[in-house]
Amino acid sequence: MTSQTQGIQQLLAAEKKAAEKVAEARKRKARRLKQAKDEATEEIEKYRQERERLFKEFEAKHMGSREGVAAKIDADTRNKIAEMERAIASRKEPVISEVLQFVYNISPELHKNYVLQ
């Protein structure tokens, strides 16, 4: 009987060692996955920064600075508004006179569909 008990004890010890090895392997795998994830995140961040730098270079080369673009748009807008105000000032009196002529020169007539009874 002692050999059976001893055999069972050896089996239990072997099972315990196997469970420990499996647990250790799982821990190593989890560490490797975490390390791979961290490396991938770092690589993605480097790539994003590089692409952002390239975009800013492209933007500066082709469009100039944002302040410059905003100032140019502002100046164009002011010029167009000033031009419109000059056009209004030069045409204001003739248009008012013409509208008043239409208002003053009313010739009352019967409508063509009106039938006398």
Foldseek 3Di string as FASTA:
>chain_A
DVVVVVVVVVVVVVVVVVVVVVVVVVVVVVVVVVVVVVVVVVVVVVVVVVVVVVVVVVCCVPPNDPVVVVVVVVVVVVVVVVVVVVVCVVCVVVVVVVVVVVVVDDDDDDDPPDDDD
